[in-house]
Amino acid sequence: MTKKTTELDNVKKATAIMFAALVKSLEDTAPGLKEGFVANLDTAYTKIREDSDDLNALETISWTRSMITGFDIVSGQTKPFFD
């Protein structure tokens, strides 16, 4: 079972923010990159969920996707993190 800690949540959040920042920066020079990246996140989420159900990995992927798109299941559509 995965043990939740504030420190671990902070690392996952920082990781998600760094990837969202990278995608935002790259999207400025390579339009369409964001959609491909989000599609790859969706594929990765599905594979991890089917193979191992690693909650830390799933949560980090989900947070990254949410920061990029502004959408999550709980809140619905909001602004992306960098908008």
N, C-alpha and C. Protein backbone atom coordinates (compact mmCIF):
# COMPACT_ATOMS: atom_id res chain seq x y z
N MET A 1 0.84 -1.19 0.00
CA MET A 1 0.00 0.00 0.00
C MET A 1 0.88 1.24 0.00
N THR A 2 0.46 2.26 -0.71
CA THR A 2 1.21 3.50 -0.82
C THR A 2 0.94 4.37 0.39
N LYS A 3 2.02 4.87 0.99
CA LYS A 3 1.88 5.77 2.13
C LYS A 3 1.91 7.21 1.61
N LYS A 4 0.87 7.99 1.95
CA LYS A 4 0.80 9.38 1.51
C LYS A 4 1.52 10.26 2.53
N THR A 5 2.34 11.15 2.01
CA THR A 5 3.00 12.12 2.87
C THR A 5 2.96 13.48 2.18
N THR A 6 3.06 14.53 2.96
CA THR A 6 3.09 15.87 2.40
C THR A 6 4.30 16.03 1.49
N GLU A 7 5.44 15.49 1.91
CA GLU A 7 6.65 15.61 1.10
C GLU A 7 6.48 14.94 -0.26
N LEU A 8 5.90 13.76 -0.27
CA LEU A 8 5.69 13.04 -1.52
C LEU A 8 4.71 13.81 -2.41
N ASP A 9 3.64 14.33 -1.82
CA ASP A 9 2.70 15.14 -2.60
C ASP A 9 3.38 16.36 -3.19
N ASN A 10 4.26 16.99 -2.44
CA ASN A 10 4.99 18.16 -2.95
C ASN A 10 5.89 17.80 -4.12
N VAL A 11 6.55 16.65 -4.05
CA VAL A 11 7.41 16.20 -5.15
C VAL A 11 6.57 15.92 -6.39
N LYS A 12 5.44 15.25 -6.21
CA LYS A 12 4.57 14.96 -7.35
C LYS A 12 4.03 16.25 -7.96
N LYS A 13 3.64 17.19 -7.13
CA LYS A 13 3.12 18.46 -7.62
C LYS A 13 4.21 19.23 -8.38
N ALA A 14 5.42 19.27 -7.83
CA ALA A 14 6.52 19.97 -8.50
C ALA A 14 6.85 19.30 -9.83
N THR A 15 6.83 17.99 -9.88
CA THR A 15 7.09 17.27 -11.12
C THR A 15 6.03 17.61 -12.16
N ALA A 16 4.77 17.60 -11.76
CA ALA A 16 3.68 17.95 -12.68
C ALA A 16 3.83 19.37 -13.20
N ILE A 17 4.18 20.30 -12.32
CA ILE A 17 4.37 21.70 -12.72
C ILE A 17 5.52 21.83 -13.71
N MET A 18 6.63 21.14 -13.46
CA MET A 18 7.77 21.23 -14.38
C MET A 18 7.40 20.72 -15.77
N PHE A 19 6.68 19.61 -15.85
CA PHE A 19 6.28 19.10 -17.16
C PHE A 19 5.27 20.02 -17.82
N ALA A 20 4.34 20.58 -17.06
CA ALA A 20 3.38 21.53 -17.63
C ALA A 20 4.10 22.76 -18.16
N ALA A 21 5.11 23.23 -17.45
CA ALA A 21 5.90 24.39 -17.90
C ALA A 21 6.65 24.05 -19.18
N LEU A 22 7.22 22.86 -19.24
CA LEU A 22 7.95 22.45 -20.44
C LEU A 22 7.01 22.37 -21.64
N VAL A 23 5.85 21.75 -21.45
CA VAL A 23 4.89 21.65 -22.55
C VAL A 23 4.42 23.03 -22.99
N LYS A 24 4.16 23.92 -22.05
CA LYS A 24 3.74 25.29 -22.37
C LYS A 24 4.82 25.98 -23.20
N SER A 25 6.07 25.87 -22.81
CA SER A 25 7.17 26.50 -23.54
C SER A 25 7.33 25.90 -24.93
N LEU A 26 7.26 24.59 -25.04
CA LEU A 26 7.43 23.94 -26.33
C LEU A 26 6.25 24.20 -27.26
N GLU A 27 5.06 24.33 -26.71
CA GLU A 27 3.86 24.60 -27.52
C GLU A 27 4.01 25.94 -28.25
N ASP A 28 4.72 26.89 -27.64
CA ASP A 28 4.93 28.19 -28.27
C ASP A 28 5.75 28.07 -29.56
N THR A 29 6.65 27.10 -29.63
CA THR A 29 7.49 26.93 -30.81
C THR A 29 7.04 25.77 -31.70
N ALA A 30 6.25 24.86 -31.14
CA ALA A 30 5.78 23.70 -31.90
C ALA A 30 4.28 23.51 -31.66
N PRO A 31 3.46 24.33 -32.33
CA PRO A 31 2.01 24.21 -32.14
C PRO A 31 1.52 22.78 -32.38
N GLY A 32 0.62 22.33 -31.53
CA GLY A 32 0.10 20.97 -31.63
C GLY A 32 0.80 19.99 -30.71
N LEU A 33 1.94 20.40 -30.16
CA LEU A 33 2.69 19.51 -29.28
C LEU A 33 1.86 19.14 -28.05
N LYS A 34 1.14 20.09 -27.52
CA LYS A 34 0.35 19.85 -26.31
C LYS A 34 -0.63 18.70 -26.49
N GLU A 35 -1.34 18.68 -27.60
CA GLU A 35 -2.33 17.62 -27.84
C GLU A 35 -1.66 16.25 -27.90
N GLY A 36 -0.52 16.18 -28.57
CA GLY A 36 0.21 14.92 -28.64
C GLY A 36 0.72 14.48 -27.27
N PHE A 37 1.20 15.43 -26.49
CA PHE A 37 1.70 15.13 -25.16
C PHE A 37 0.57 14.62 -24.26
N VAL A 38 -0.57 15.29 -24.32
CA VAL A 38 -1.72 14.87 -23.50
C VAL A 38 -2.19 13.48 -23.93
N ALA A 39 -2.19 13.21 -25.22
CA ALA A 39 -2.56 11.88 -25.70
C ALA A 39 -1.60 10.82 -25.16
N ASN A 40 -0.31 11.15 -25.15
CA ASN A 40 0.68 10.22 -24.59
C ASN A 40 0.48 10.02 -23.09
N LEU A 41 0.12 11.09 -22.38
CA LEU A 41 -0.19 10.96 -20.94
C LEU A 41 -1.37 10.01 -20.74
N ASP A 42 -2.39 10.15 -21.57
CA ASP A 42 -3.56 9.27 -21.46
C ASP A 42 -3.18 7.81 -21.69
N THR A 43 -2.32 7.58 -22.67
CA THR A 43 -1.86 6.22 -22.95
C THR A 43 -1.05 5.68 -21.77
N ALA A 44 -0.16 6.50 -21.24
CA ALA A 44 0.66 6.08 -20.10
C ALA A 44 -0.21 5.77 -18.89
N TYR A 45 -1.20 6.61 -18.63
CA TYR A 45 -2.11 6.41 -17.50
C TYR A 45 -2.80 5.05 -17.62
N THR A 46 -3.31 4.77 -18.81
CA THR A 46 -4.01 3.50 -19.05
C THR A 46 -3.08 2.31 -18.84
N LYS A 47 -1.85 2.40 -19.38
CA LYS A 47 -0.90 1.29 -19.23
C LYS A 47 -0.53 1.05 -17.77
N ILE A 48 -0.26 2.12 -17.05
CA ILE A 48 0.12 1.97 -15.63
C ILE A 48 -1.05 1.41 -14.84
N ARG A 49 -2.23 1.88 -15.13
CA ARG A 49 -3.42 1.41 -14.40
C ARG A 49 -3.66 -0.07 -14.66
N GLU A 50 -3.43 -0.51 -15.89
CA GLU A 50 -3.63 -1.92 -16.23
C GLU A 50 -2.52 -2.80 -15.69
N ASP A 51 -1.28 -2.29 -15.70
CA ASP A 51 -0.12 -3.11 -15.34
C ASP A 51 0.18 -3.16 -13.85
N SER A 52 0.06 -2.01 -13.16
CA SER A 52 0.52 -2.01 -11.77
C SER A 52 -0.38 -1.26 -10.81
N ASP A 53 -1.21 -0.36 -11.32
CA ASP A 53 -2.06 0.46 -10.47
C ASP A 53 -1.23 1.27 -9.46
N ASP A 54 -0.06 1.75 -9.87
CA ASP A 54 0.82 2.57 -9.02
C ASP A 54 0.16 3.92 -8.79
N LEU A 55 -0.38 4.13 -7.61
CA LEU A 55 -1.15 5.33 -7.33
C LEU A 55 -0.32 6.60 -7.42
N ASN A 56 0.95 6.55 -7.04
CA ASN A 56 1.79 7.74 -7.14
C ASN A 56 1.99 8.14 -8.61
N ALA A 57 2.27 7.16 -9.45
CA ALA A 57 2.44 7.45 -10.87
C ALA A 57 1.15 7.95 -11.49
N LEU A 58 0.05 7.30 -11.17
CA LEU A 58 -1.25 7.71 -11.72
C LEU A 58 -1.60 9.13 -11.29
N GLU A 59 -1.35 9.45 -10.05
CA GLU A 59 -1.66 10.78 -9.55
C GLU A 59 -0.77 11.84 -10.22
N THR A 60 0.50 11.56 -10.38
CA THR A 60 1.40 12.52 -11.03
C THR A 60 0.99 12.76 -12.48
N ILE A 61 0.65 11.71 -13.19
CA ILE A 61 0.19 11.85 -14.58
C ILE A 61 -1.10 12.65 -14.62
N SER A 62 -2.02 12.34 -13.73
CA SER A 62 -3.30 13.04 -13.69
C SER A 62 -3.11 14.53 -13.37
N TRP A 63 -2.25 14.84 -12.40
CA TRP A 63 -1.99 16.24 -12.05
C TRP A 63 -1.35 16.97 -13.22
N THR A 64 -0.42 16.32 -13.91
CA THR A 64 0.24 16.94 -15.05
C THR A 64 -0.79 17.25 -16.14
N ARG A 65 -1.63 16.29 -16.44
CA ARG A 65 -2.66 16.48 -17.46
C ARG A 65 -3.59 17.62 -17.08
N SER A 66 -3.99 17.65 -15.84
CA SER A 66 -4.88 18.70 -15.35
C SER A 66 -4.23 20.08 -15.44
N MET A 67 -2.97 20.17 -15.10
CA MET A 67 -2.27 21.47 -15.17
C MET A 67 -2.14 21.95 -16.61
N ILE A 68 -1.98 21.02 -17.53
CA ILE A 68 -1.84 21.39 -18.94
C ILE A 68 -3.19 21.77 -19.55
N THR A 69 -4.22 20.97 -19.28
CA THR A 69 -5.52 21.16 -19.93
C THR A 69 -6.50 22.00 -19.13
N GLY A 70 -6.32 22.04 -17.81
CA GLY A 70 -7.27 22.73 -16.95
C GLY A 70 -8.48 21.87 -16.60
N PHE A 71 -8.48 20.60 -16.98
CA PHE A 71 -9.63 19.73 -16.71
C PHE A 71 -9.26 18.64 -15.73
N ASP A 72 -10.14 18.42 -14.76
CA ASP A 72 -10.08 17.22 -13.94
C ASP A 72 -11.50 16.79 -13.61
N ILE A 73 -11.64 15.54 -13.24
CA ILE A 73 -12.96 14.96 -13.04
C ILE A 73 -13.72 15.62 -11.90
N VAL A 74 -13.03 16.03 -10.86
CA VAL A 74 -13.69 16.62 -9.69
C VAL A 74 -14.18 18.04 -9.98
N SER A 75 -13.31 18.88 -10.56
CA SER A 75 -13.63 20.29 -10.77
C SER A 75 -14.23 20.58 -12.14
N GLY A 76 -14.09 19.66 -13.08
CA GLY A 76 -14.51 19.94 -14.44
C GLY A 76 -13.48 20.82 -15.13
N GLN A 77 -13.92 21.64 -16.06
CA GLN A 77 -13.03 22.48 -16.83
C GLN A 77 -12.77 23.79 -16.08
N THR A 78 -11.49 24.07 -15.86
CA THR A 78 -11.04 25.33 -15.29
C THR A 78 -9.90 25.84 -16.17
N LYS A 79 -9.20 26.86 -15.72
CA LYS A 79 -8.08 27.38 -16.49
C LYS A 79 -6.86 26.47 -16.30
N PRO A 80 -6.09 26.27 -17.38
CA PRO A 80 -4.82 25.56 -17.23
C PRO A 80 -3.90 26.34 -16.25
N PHE A 81 -2.97 25.66 -15.66
CA PHE A 81 -2.10 26.22 -14.63
C PHE A 81 -1.38 27.48 -15.09
N PHE A 82 -0.90 27.51 -16.34
CA PHE A 82 -0.11 28.64 -16.83
C PHE A 82 -0.93 29.67 -17.61
N ASP A 83 -2.24 29.61 -17.55
CA ASP A 83 -3.07 30.62 -18.21
C ASP A 83 -3.59 31.63 -17.21
